[in-house]
């Protein structure tokens, strides 16, 4: 867990699936460039179950004062397994919920 003055990052867990399903289906949350498709709760649970390791991770951004979820953050190495000898880079992303 990463702890700052005002926010914390904690690993996503299966209990977050309901909230993330709602967020992932809101164009305002996902933005113009990542809102490719609506996500079902089953798709979100699959992402949670696979979002740990050296190639990708997903975190929930929370407010330290009360633990209120504020958004998500994470990283993804889209080329790690398929093109390890060619591409080296990690995408770091965050999305803050508008509520």
PDB file of N, CA and C in Angstrom:
ATOM      1  N   UNK A   1       0.853  -1.180   0.000  1.00  0.00           N
ATOM      2  CA  UNK A   1       0.000   0.000   0.000  1.00  0.00           C
ATOM      3  C   UNK A   1       0.890   1.231   0.000  1.00  0.00           C
ATOM      4  N   UNK A   2       0.516   2.221  -0.791  1.00  0.00           N
ATOM      5  CA  UNK A   2       1.209   3.501  -0.853  1.00  0.00           C
ATOM      6  C   UNK A   2       0.382   4.507  -0.069  1.00  0.00           C
ATOM      7  N   UNK A   3       1.005   5.184   0.883  1.00  0.00           N
ATOM      8  CA  UNK A   3       0.281   6.113   1.753  1.00  0.00           C
ATOM      9  C   UNK A   3       0.871   7.503   1.590  1.00  0.00           C
ATOM     10  N   UNK A   4       0.006   8.455   1.226  1.00  0.00           N
ATOM     11  CA  UNK A   4       0.401   9.852   1.110  1.00  0.00           C
ATOM     12  C   UNK A   4      -0.257  10.675   2.199  1.00  0.00           C
ATOM     13  N   UNK A   5      -0.123  11.986   2.121  1.00  0.00           N
ATOM     14  CA  UNK A   5      -0.729  12.861   3.124  1.00  0.00           C
ATOM     15  C   UNK A   5      -2.245  12.826   3.093  1.00  0.00           C
ATOM     16  N   UNK A   6      -2.823  12.782   1.899  1.00  0.00           N
ATOM     17  CA  UNK A   6      -4.283  12.860   1.753  1.00  0.00           C
ATOM     18  C   UNK A   6      -4.917  11.597   1.202  1.00  0.00           C
ATOM     19  N   UNK A   7      -4.154  10.806   0.438  1.00  0.00           N
ATOM     20  CA  UNK A   7      -4.726   9.614  -0.192  1.00  0.00           C
ATOM     21  C   UNK A   7      -3.851   8.389   0.047  1.00  0.00           C
ATOM     22  N   UNK A   8      -4.437   7.225  -0.208  1.00  0.00           N
ATOM     23  CA  UNK A   8      -3.734   5.951  -0.150  1.00  0.00           C
ATOM     24  C   UNK A   8      -4.053   5.165  -1.416  1.00  0.00           C
ATOM     25  N   UNK A   9      -3.153   4.295  -1.807  1.00  0.00           N
ATOM     26  CA  UNK A   9      -3.413   3.312  -2.844  1.00  0.00           C
ATOM     27  C   UNK A   9      -3.428   1.949  -2.168  1.00  0.00           C
ATOM     28  N   UNK A  10      -4.492   1.200  -2.391  1.00  0.00           N
ATOM     29  CA  UNK A  10      -4.545  -0.156  -1.850  1.00  0.00           C
ATOM     30  C   UNK A  10      -4.868  -1.110  -2.989  1.00  0.00           C
ATOM     31  N   UNK A  11      -4.387  -2.347  -2.906  1.00  0.00           N
ATOM     32  CA  UNK A  11      -4.715  -3.306  -3.955  1.00  0.00           C
ATOM     33  C   UNK A  11      -6.223  -3.501  -4.063  1.00  0.00           C
ATOM     34  N   UNK A  12      -6.707  -3.640  -5.273  1.00  0.00           N
ATOM     35  CA  UNK A  12      -8.120  -3.888  -5.501  1.00  0.00           C
ATOM     36  C   UNK A  12      -8.465  -5.283  -4.953  1.00  0.00           C
ATOM     37  N   UNK A  13      -9.695  -5.449  -4.495  1.00  0.00           N
ATOM     38  CA  UNK A  13     -10.145  -6.750  -4.011  1.00  0.00           C
ATOM     39  C   UNK A  13     -11.527  -7.064  -4.593  1.00  0.00           C
ATOM     40  N   UNK A  14     -11.954  -8.296  -4.452  1.00  0.00           N
ATOM     41  CA  UNK A  14     -13.228  -8.726  -5.027  1.00  0.00           C
ATOM     42  C   UNK A  14     -14.404  -7.940  -4.463  1.00  0.00           C
ATOM     43  N   UNK A  15     -14.293  -7.436  -3.241  1.00  0.00           N
ATOM     44  CA  UNK A  15     -15.368  -6.620  -2.663  1.00  0.00           C
ATOM     45  C   UNK A  15     -15.555  -5.303  -3.421  1.00  0.00           C
ATOM     46  N   UNK A  16     -14.580  -4.896  -4.215  1.00  0.00           N
ATOM     47  CA  UNK A  16     -14.667  -3.665  -4.998  1.00  0.00           C
ATOM     48  C   UNK A  16     -15.409  -3.859  -6.318  1.00  0.00           C
ATOM     49  N   UNK A  17     -15.771  -5.072  -6.676  1.00  0.00           N
ATOM     50  CA  UNK A  17     -16.318  -5.369  -8.004  1.00  0.00           C
ATOM     51  C   UNK A  17     -17.597  -4.595  -8.307  1.00  0.00           C
ATOM     52  N   UNK A  18     -18.504  -4.499  -7.360  1.00  0.00           N
ATOM     53  CA  UNK A  18     -19.769  -3.793  -7.607  1.00  0.00           C
ATOM     54  C   UNK A  18     -19.513  -2.323  -7.933  1.00  0.00           C
ATOM     55  N   UNK A  19     -18.696  -1.678  -7.119  1.00  0.00           N
ATOM     56  CA  UNK A  19     -18.363  -0.267  -7.329  1.00  0.00           C
ATOM     57  C   UNK A  19     -17.648  -0.072  -8.666  1.00  0.00           C
ATOM     58  N   UNK A  20     -16.673  -0.921  -8.966  1.00  0.00           N
ATOM     59  CA  UNK A  20     -15.918  -0.775 -10.203  1.00  0.00           C
ATOM     60  C   UNK A  20     -16.780  -1.035 -11.428  1.00  0.00           C
ATOM     61  N   UNK A  21     -17.731  -1.947 -11.325  1.00  0.00           N
ATOM     62  CA  UNK A  21     -18.636  -2.192 -12.441  1.00  0.00           C
ATOM     63  C   UNK A  21     -19.415  -0.925 -12.775  1.00  0.00           C
ATOM     64  N   UNK A  22     -19.901  -0.244 -11.755  1.00  0.00           N
ATOM     65  CA  UNK A  22     -20.616   1.021 -11.981  1.00  0.00           C
ATOM     66  C   UNK A  22     -19.665   2.050 -12.590  1.00  0.00           C
ATOM     67  N   UNK A  23     -18.498   2.219 -12.004  1.00  0.00           N
ATOM     68  CA  UNK A  23     -17.540   3.205 -12.499  1.00  0.00           C
ATOM     69  C   UNK A  23     -17.129   2.914 -13.938  1.00  0.00           C
ATOM     70  N   UNK A  24     -16.828   1.652 -14.263  1.00  0.00           N
ATOM     71  CA  UNK A  24     -16.355   1.297 -15.598  1.00  0.00           C
ATOM     72  C   UNK A  24     -17.418   1.498 -16.668  1.00  0.00           C
ATOM     73  N   UNK A  25     -18.659   1.615 -16.279  1.00  0.00           N
ATOM     74  CA  UNK A  25     -19.727   1.849 -17.242  1.00  0.00           C
ATOM     75  C   UNK A  25     -20.127   3.321 -17.321  1.00  0.00           C
ATOM     76  N   UNK A  26     -19.394   4.201 -16.660  1.00  0.00           N
ATOM     77  CA  UNK A  26     -19.634   5.638 -16.714  1.00  0.00           C
ATOM     78  C   UNK A  26     -18.613   6.284 -17.651  1.00  0.00           C
ATOM     79  N   UNK A  27     -19.049   6.819 -18.788  1.00  0.00           N
ATOM     80  CA  UNK A  27     -18.103   7.479 -19.706  1.00  0.00           C
ATOM     81  C   UNK A  27     -17.323   8.607 -19.032  1.00  0.00           C
ATOM     82  N   UNK A  28     -17.914   9.295 -18.070  1.00  0.00           N
ATOM     83  CA  UNK A  28     -17.211  10.380 -17.385  1.00  0.00           C
ATOM     84  C   UNK A  28     -16.015   9.858 -16.596  1.00  0.00           C
ATOM     85  N   UNK A  29     -16.105   8.631 -16.098  1.00  0.00           N
ATOM     86  CA  UNK A  29     -15.003   8.055 -15.328  1.00  0.00           C
ATOM     87  C   UNK A  29     -13.921   7.497 -16.243  1.00  0.00           C
ATOM     88  N   UNK A  30     -14.328   6.761 -17.256  1.00  0.00           N
ATOM     89  CA  UNK A  30     -13.353   6.099 -18.112  1.00  0.00           C
ATOM     90  C   UNK A  30     -12.701   7.048 -19.102  1.00  0.00           C
ATOM     91  N   UNK A  31     -13.379   8.126 -19.462  1.00  0.00           N
ATOM     92  CA  UNK A  31     -12.789   9.085 -20.378  1.00  0.00           C
ATOM     93  C   UNK A  31     -12.980   8.700 -21.834  1.00  0.00           C
ATOM     94  N   UNK A  32     -12.616   9.612 -22.697  1.00  0.00           N
ATOM     95  CA  UNK A  32     -12.850   9.446 -24.134  1.00  0.00           C
ATOM     96  C   UNK A  32     -11.961   8.383 -24.764  1.00  0.00           C
ATOM     97  N   UNK A  33     -10.828   8.075 -24.152  1.00  0.00           N
ATOM     98  CA  UNK A  33      -9.876   7.185 -24.797  1.00  0.00           C
ATOM     99  C   UNK A  33      -9.879   5.762 -24.249  1.00  0.00           C
ATOM    100  N   UNK A  34     -10.553   5.492 -23.148  1.00  0.00           N
ATOM    101  CA  UNK A  34     -10.503   4.149 -22.559  1.00  0.00           C
ATOM    102  C   UNK A  34     -11.875   3.514 -22.442  1.00  0.00           C
ATOM    103  N   UNK A  35     -12.914   4.214 -22.789  1.00  0.00           N
ATOM    104  CA  UNK A  35     -14.265   3.692 -22.637  1.00  0.00           C
ATOM    105  C   UNK A  35     -14.639   2.881 -23.882  1.00  0.00           C
ATOM    106  N   UNK A  36     -14.013   1.719 -24.053  1.00  0.00           N
ATOM    107  CA  UNK A  36     -14.216   0.907 -25.244  1.00  0.00           C
ATOM    108  C   UNK A  36     -15.491   0.073 -25.206  1.00  0.00           C
ATOM    109  N   UNK A  37     -15.875  -0.396 -24.039  1.00  0.00           N
ATOM    110  CA  UNK A  37     -17.017  -1.290 -23.962  1.00  0.00           C
ATOM    111  C   UNK A  37     -17.586  -1.286 -22.552  1.00  0.00           C
ATOM    112  N   UNK A  38     -18.869  -1.536 -22.414  1.00  0.00           N
ATOM    113  CA  UNK A  38     -19.431  -1.706 -21.068  1.00  0.00           C
ATOM    114  C   UNK A  38     -18.860  -2.974 -20.445  1.00  0.00           C
ATOM    115  N   UNK A  39     -18.729  -2.977 -19.158  1.00  0.00           N
ATOM    116  CA  UNK A  39     -18.160  -4.124 -18.456  1.00  0.00           C
ATOM    117  C   UNK A  39     -19.200  -4.718 -17.525  1.00  0.00           C
ATOM    118  N   UNK A  40     -19.274  -6.014 -17.532  1.00  0.00           N
ATOM    119  CA  UNK A  40     -20.154  -6.718 -16.603  1.00  0.00           C
ATOM    120  C   UNK A  40     -19.398  -6.962 -15.304  1.00  0.00           C
ATOM    121  N   UNK A  41     -20.122  -7.318 -14.271  1.00  0.00           N
ATOM    122  CA  UNK A  41     -19.482  -7.625 -12.996  1.00  0.00           C
ATOM    123  C   UNK A  41     -18.539  -8.822 -13.151  1.00  0.00           C
ATOM    124  N   UNK A  42     -18.903  -9.773 -13.982  1.00  0.00           N
ATOM    125  CA  UNK A  42     -18.042 -10.937 -14.207  1.00  0.00           C
ATOM    126  C   UNK A  42     -16.720 -10.523 -14.847  1.00  0.00           C
ATOM    127  N   UNK A  43     -16.774  -9.578 -15.796  1.00  0.00           N
ATOM    128  CA  UNK A  43     -15.551  -9.078 -16.423  1.00  0.00           C
ATOM    129  C   UNK A  43     -14.680  -8.350 -15.410  1.00  0.00           C
ATOM    130  N   UNK A  44     -15.311  -7.590 -14.532  1.00  0.00           N
ATOM    131  CA  UNK A  44     -14.564  -6.861 -13.504  1.00  0.00           C
ATOM    132  C   UNK A  44     -13.917  -7.848 -12.532  1.00  0.00           C
ATOM    133  N   UNK A  45     -14.644  -8.873 -12.111  1.00  0.00           N
ATOM    134  CA  UNK A  45     -14.069  -9.880 -11.208  1.00  0.00           C
ATOM    135  C   UNK A  45     -12.870 -10.575 -11.855  1.00  0.00           C
ATOM    136  N   UNK A  46     -12.961 -10.864 -13.138  1.00  0.00           N
ATOM    137  CA  UNK A  46     -11.834 -11.483 -13.838  1.00  0.00           C
ATOM    138  C   UNK A  46     -10.627 -10.547 -13.847  1.00  0.00           C
ATOM    139  N   UNK A  47     -10.871  -9.264 -14.076  1.00  0.00           N
ATOM    140  CA  UNK A  47      -9.774  -8.291 -14.061  1.00  0.00           C
ATOM    141  C   UNK A  47      -9.148  -8.202 -12.673  1.00  0.00           C
ATOM    142  N   UNK A  48      -9.983  -8.196 -11.638  1.00  0.00           N
ATOM    143  CA  UNK A  48      -9.461  -8.150 -10.267  1.00  0.00           C
ATOM    144  C   UNK A  48      -8.594  -9.370  -9.987  1.00  0.00           C
ATOM    145  N   UNK A  49      -9.060 -10.537 -10.407  1.00  0.00           N
ATOM    146  CA  UNK A  49      -8.329 -11.772 -10.137  1.00  0.00           C
ATOM    147  C   UNK A  49      -6.997 -11.845 -10.873  1.00  0.00           C
ATOM    148  N   UNK A  50      -6.861 -11.136 -11.980  1.00  0.00           N
ATOM    149  CA  UNK A  50      -5.626 -11.207 -12.773  1.00  0.00           C
ATOM    150  C   UNK A  50      -4.782  -9.938 -12.678  1.00  0.00           C
ATOM    151  N   UNK A  51      -5.173  -8.991 -11.849  1.00  0.00           N
ATOM    152  CA  UNK A  51      -4.504  -7.683 -11.812  1.00  0.00           C
ATOM    153  C   UNK A  51      -3.393  -7.621 -10.777  1.00  0.00           C
ATOM    154  N   UNK A  52      -2.616  -8.673 -10.694  1.00  0.00           N
ATOM    155  CA  UNK A  52      -1.486  -8.664  -9.766  1.00  0.00           C
ATOM    156  C   UNK A  52      -0.313  -9.360 -10.428  1.00  0.00           C
ATOM    157  N   UNK A  53       0.836  -8.780 -10.327  1.00  0.00           N
ATOM    158  CA  UNK A  53       2.014  -9.418 -10.881  1.00  0.00           C
ATOM    159  C   UNK A  53       2.959  -8.415 -11.503  1.00  0.00           C
ATOM    160  N   UNK A  54       4.017  -8.924 -12.111  1.00  0.00           N
ATOM    161  CA  UNK A  54       5.030  -8.018 -12.672  1.00  0.00           C
ATOM    162  C   UNK A  54       4.590  -7.302 -13.944  1.00  0.00           C
ATOM    163  N   UNK A  55       3.513  -7.791 -14.592  1.00  0.00           N
ATOM    164  CA  UNK A  55       3.086  -7.183 -15.841  1.00  0.00           C
ATOM    165  C   UNK A  55       1.901  -6.250 -15.703  1.00  0.00           C
ATOM    166  N   UNK A  56       1.173  -6.307 -14.598  1.00  0.00           N
ATOM    167  CA  UNK A  56       0.035  -5.415 -14.409  1.00  0.00           C
ATOM    168  C   UNK A  56      -0.417  -5.446 -12.956  1.00  0.00           C
ATOM    169  N   UNK A  57      -1.044  -4.342 -12.539  1.00  0.00           N
ATOM    170  CA  UNK A  57      -1.600  -4.242 -11.192  1.00  0.00           C
ATOM    171  C   UNK A  57      -2.690  -3.180 -11.201  1.00  0.00           C
ATOM    172  N   UNK A  58      -3.641  -3.324 -10.303  1.00  0.00           N
ATOM    173  CA  UNK A  58      -4.751  -2.390 -10.178  1.00  0.00           C
ATOM    174  C   UNK A  58      -4.918  -2.031  -8.713  1.00  0.00           C
ATOM    175  N   UNK A  59      -5.062  -0.750  -8.438  1.00  0.00           N
ATOM    176  CA  UNK A  59      -5.209  -0.241  -7.077  1.00  0.00           C
ATOM    177  C   UNK A  59      -6.441   0.650  -6.991  1.00  0.00           C
ATOM    178  N   UNK A  60      -6.988   0.765  -5.798  1.00  0.00           N
ATOM    179  CA  UNK A  60      -8.063   1.714  -5.520  1.00  0.00           C
ATOM    180  C   UNK A  60      -7.438   2.896  -4.783  1.00  0.00           C
ATOM    181  N   UNK A  61      -7.726   4.091  -5.256  1.00  0.00           N
ATOM    182  CA  UNK A  61      -7.277   5.320  -4.605  1.00  0.00           C
ATOM    183  C   UNK A  61      -8.332   5.665  -3.564  1.00  0.00           C
ATOM    184  N   UNK A  62      -7.921   5.817  -2.312  1.00  0.00           N
ATOM    185  CA  UNK A  62      -8.868   6.139  -1.245  1.00  0.00           C
ATOM    186  C   UNK A  62      -8.418   7.388  -0.493  1.00  0.00           C
ATOM    187  N   UNK A  63      -9.391   8.066   0.105  1.00  0.00           N
ATOM    188  CA  UNK A  63      -9.105   9.224   0.954  1.00  0.00           C
ATOM    189  C   UNK A  63      -8.656   8.693   2.313  1.00  0.00           C
ATOM    190  N   UNK A  64      -7.537   9.165   2.811  1.00  0.00           N
ATOM    191  CA  UNK A  64      -6.992   8.673   4.087  1.00  0.00           C
ATOM    192  C   UNK A  64      -7.923   8.941   5.253  1.00  0.00           C
ATOM    193  N   UNK A  65      -8.575  10.091   5.253  1.00  0.00           N
ATOM    194  CA  UNK A  65      -9.385  10.484   6.408  1.00  0.00           C
ATOM    195  C   UNK A  65     -10.503   9.497   6.711  1.00  0.00           C
ATOM    196  N   UNK A  66     -11.135   8.946   5.660  1.00  0.00           N
ATOM    197  CA  UNK A  66     -12.290   8.080   5.911  1.00  0.00           C
ATOM    198  C   UNK A  66     -12.328   6.821   5.050  1.00  0.00           C
ATOM    199  N   UNK A  67     -11.300   6.589   4.238  1.00  0.00           N
ATOM    200  CA  UNK A  67     -11.266   5.400   3.402  1.00  0.00           C
ATOM    201  C   UNK A  67     -12.176   5.442   2.187  1.00  0.00           C
ATOM    202  N   UNK A  68     -12.776   6.593   1.906  1.00  0.00           N
ATOM    203  CA  UNK A  68     -13.688   6.736   0.774  1.00  0.00           C
ATOM    204  C   UNK A  68     -12.951   6.468  -0.546  1.00  0.00           C
ATOM    205  N   UNK A  69     -13.448   5.559  -1.387  1.00  0.00           N
ATOM    206  CA  UNK A  69     -12.820   5.327  -2.686  1.00  0.00           C
ATOM    207  C   UNK A  69     -12.963   6.550  -3.589  1.00  0.00           C
ATOM    208  N   UNK A  70     -11.861   6.961  -4.196  1.00  0.00           N
ATOM    209  CA  UNK A  70     -11.847   8.140  -5.054  1.00  0.00           C
ATOM    210  C   UNK A  70     -11.600   7.803  -6.518  1.00  0.00           C
ATOM    211  N   UNK A  71     -11.031   6.655  -6.784  1.00  0.00           N
ATOM    212  CA  UNK A  71     -10.712   6.285  -8.153  1.00  0.00           C
ATOM    213  C   UNK A  71      -9.832   5.055  -8.184  1.00  0.00           C
ATOM    214  N   UNK A  72      -9.167   4.861  -9.324  1.00  0.00           N
ATOM    215  CA  UNK A  72      -8.277   3.719  -9.494  1.00  0.00           C
ATOM    216  C   UNK A  72      -6.952   4.193 -10.069  1.00  0.00           C
ATOM    217  N   UNK A  73      -5.945   3.374  -9.897  1.00  0.00           N
ATOM    218  CA  UNK A  73      -4.625   3.611 -10.477  1.00  0.00           C
ATOM    219  C   UNK A  73      -3.999   2.253 -10.719  1.00  0.00           C
ATOM    220  N   UNK A  74      -3.039   2.229 -11.609  1.00  0.00           N
ATOM    221  CA  UNK A  74      -2.383   0.958 -11.863  1.00  0.00           C
ATOM    222  C   UNK A  74      -1.304   1.073 -12.908  1.00  0.00           C
ATOM    223  N   UNK A  75      -0.804  -0.081 -13.305  1.00  0.00           N
ATOM    224  CA  UNK A  75       0.174  -0.121 -14.372  1.00  0.00           C
ATOM    225  C   UNK A  75      -0.061  -1.351 -15.225  1.00  0.00           C
ATOM    226  N   UNK A  76       0.449  -1.277 -16.445  1.00  0.00           N
ATOM    227  CA  UNK A  76       0.293  -2.350 -17.410  1.00  0.00           C
ATOM    228  C   UNK A  76       1.506  -2.359 -18.313  1.00  0.00           C
ATOM    229  N   UNK A  77       2.097  -3.502 -18.485  1.00  0.00           N
ATOM    230  CA  UNK A  77       3.156  -3.680 -19.467  1.00  0.00           C
ATOM    231  C   UNK A  77       2.551  -4.503 -20.596  1.00  0.00           C
ATOM    232  N   UNK A  78       2.006  -3.854 -21.618  1.00  0.00           N
ATOM    233  CA  UNK A  78       1.255  -4.590 -22.642  1.00  0.00           C
ATOM    234  C   UNK A  78       2.110  -5.508 -23.501  1.00  0.00           C
ATOM    235  N   UNK A  79       3.418  -5.343 -23.481  1.00  0.00           N
ATOM    236  CA  UNK A  79       4.287  -6.137 -24.339  1.00  0.00           C
ATOM    237  C   UNK A  79       5.128  -7.151 -23.575  1.00  0.00           C
ATOM    238  N   UNK A  80       4.964  -7.261 -22.287  1.00  0.00           N
ATOM    239  CA  UNK A  80       5.872  -8.044 -21.466  1.00  0.00           C
ATOM    240  C   UNK A  80       6.023  -9.485 -21.941  1.00  0.00           C
ATOM    241  N   UNK A  81       4.932 -10.186 -22.139  1.00  0.00           N
ATOM    242  CA  UNK A  81       5.029 -11.594 -22.503  1.00  0.00           C
ATOM    243  C   UNK A  81       5.204 -11.787 -24.007  1.00  0.00           C
ATOM    244  N   UNK A  82       4.454 -11.050 -24.802  1.00  0.00           N
ATOM    245  CA  UNK A  82       4.444 -11.274 -26.241  1.00  0.00           C
ATOM    246  C   UNK A  82       5.677 -10.743 -26.961  1.00  0.00           C
ATOM    247  N   UNK A  83       6.232  -9.644 -26.488  1.00  0.00           N
ATOM    248  CA  UNK A  83       7.324  -8.996 -27.198  1.00  0.00           C
ATOM    249  C   UNK A  83       8.443  -8.582 -26.242  1.00  0.00           C
ATOM    250  N   UNK A  84       8.794  -9.448 -25.337  1.00  0.00           N
ATOM    251  CA  UNK A  84       9.765  -9.090 -24.296  1.00  0.00           C
ATOM    252  C   UNK A  84      11.098  -8.625 -24.859  1.00  0.00           C
ATOM    253  N   UNK A  85      11.517  -9.178 -25.978  1.00  0.00           N
ATOM    254  CA  UNK A  85      12.815  -8.804 -26.538  1.00  0.00           C
ATOM    255  C   UNK A  85      12.769  -7.497 -27.317  1.00  0.00           C
ATOM    256  N   UNK A  86      11.568  -7.017 -27.646  1.00  0.00           N
ATOM    257  CA  UNK A  86      11.449  -5.848 -28.520  1.00  0.00           C
ATOM    258  C   UNK A  86      11.008  -4.576 -27.809  1.00  0.00           C
ATOM    259  N   UNK A  87      10.012  -4.683 -26.966  1.00  0.00           N
ATOM    260  CA  UNK A  87       9.417  -3.496 -26.363  1.00  0.00           C
ATOM    261  C   UNK A  87       9.670  -3.483 -24.860  1.00  0.00           C
ATOM    262  N   UNK A  88      10.038  -2.349 -24.352  1.00  0.00           N
ATOM    263  CA  UNK A  88      10.230  -2.193 -22.916  1.00  0.00           C
ATOM    264  C   UNK A  88       9.542  -0.908 -22.495  1.00  0.00           C
ATOM    265  N   UNK A  89       8.499  -1.038 -21.744  1.00  0.00           N
ATOM    266  CA  UNK A  89       7.783   0.138 -21.281  1.00  0.00           C
ATOM    267  C   UNK A  89       6.592  -0.266 -20.436  1.00  0.00           C
ATOM    268  N   UNK A  90       6.190   0.607 -19.577  1.00  0.00           N
ATOM    269  CA  UNK A  90       5.049   0.362 -18.716  1.00  0.00           C
ATOM    270  C   UNK A  90       4.108   1.547 -18.820  1.00  0.00           C
ATOM    271  N   UNK A  91       2.841   1.259 -18.983  1.00  0.00           N
ATOM    272  CA  UNK A  91       1.808   2.293 -18.973  1.00  0.00           C
ATOM    273  C   UNK A  91       1.346   2.467 -17.537  1.00  0.00           C
ATOM    274  N   UNK A  92       1.411   3.674 -17.034  1.00  0.00           N
ATOM    275  CA  UNK A  92       0.904   3.995 -15.693  1.00  0.00           C
ATOM    276  C   UNK A  92      -0.341   4.839 -15.886  1.00  0.00           C
ATOM    277  N   UNK A  93      -1.411   4.473 -15.212  1.00  0.00           N
ATOM    278  CA  UNK A  93      -2.682   5.173 -15.417  1.00  0.00           C
ATOM    279  C   UNK A  93      -3.369   5.459 -14.085  1.00  0.00           C
ATOM    280  N   UNK A  94      -4.273   6.418 -14.130  1.00  0.00           N
ATOM    281  CA  UNK A  94      -5.154   6.696 -12.999  1.00  0.00           C
ATOM    282  C   UNK A  94      -6.461   7.251 -13.527  1.00  0.00           C
ATOM    283  N   UNK A  95      -7.513   7.030 -12.785  1.00  0.00           N
ATOM    284  CA  UNK A  95      -8.834   7.576 -13.092  1.00  0.00           C
ATOM    285  C   UNK A  95      -9.452   7.994 -11.757  1.00  0.00           C
ATOM    286  N   UNK A  96      -9.876   9.235 -11.677  1.00  0.00           N
ATOM    287  CA  UNK A  96     -10.500   9.744 -10.459  1.00  0.00           C
ATOM    288  C   UNK A  96     -12.006   9.869 -10.719  1.00  0.00           C
ATOM    289  N   UNK A  97     -12.775   9.329  -9.801  1.00  0.00           N
ATOM    290  CA  UNK A  97     -14.243   9.369  -9.950  1.00  0.00           C
ATOM    291  C   UNK A  97     -14.744  10.775  -9.712  1.00  0.00           C
ATOM    292  N   UNK A  98     -15.761  11.172 -10.425  1.00  0.00           N
ATOM    293  CA  UNK A  98     -16.268  12.554 -10.396  1.00  0.00           C
ATOM    294  C   UNK A  98     -17.185  12.867  -9.229  1.00  0.00           C
ATOM    295  N   UNK A  99     -17.634  11.884  -8.485  1.00  0.00           N
ATOM    296  CA  UNK A  99     -18.601  12.143  -7.411  1.00  0.00           C
ATOM    297  C   UNK A  99     -17.997  12.792  -6.196  1.00  0.00           C
TER     298      UNK A  99
END
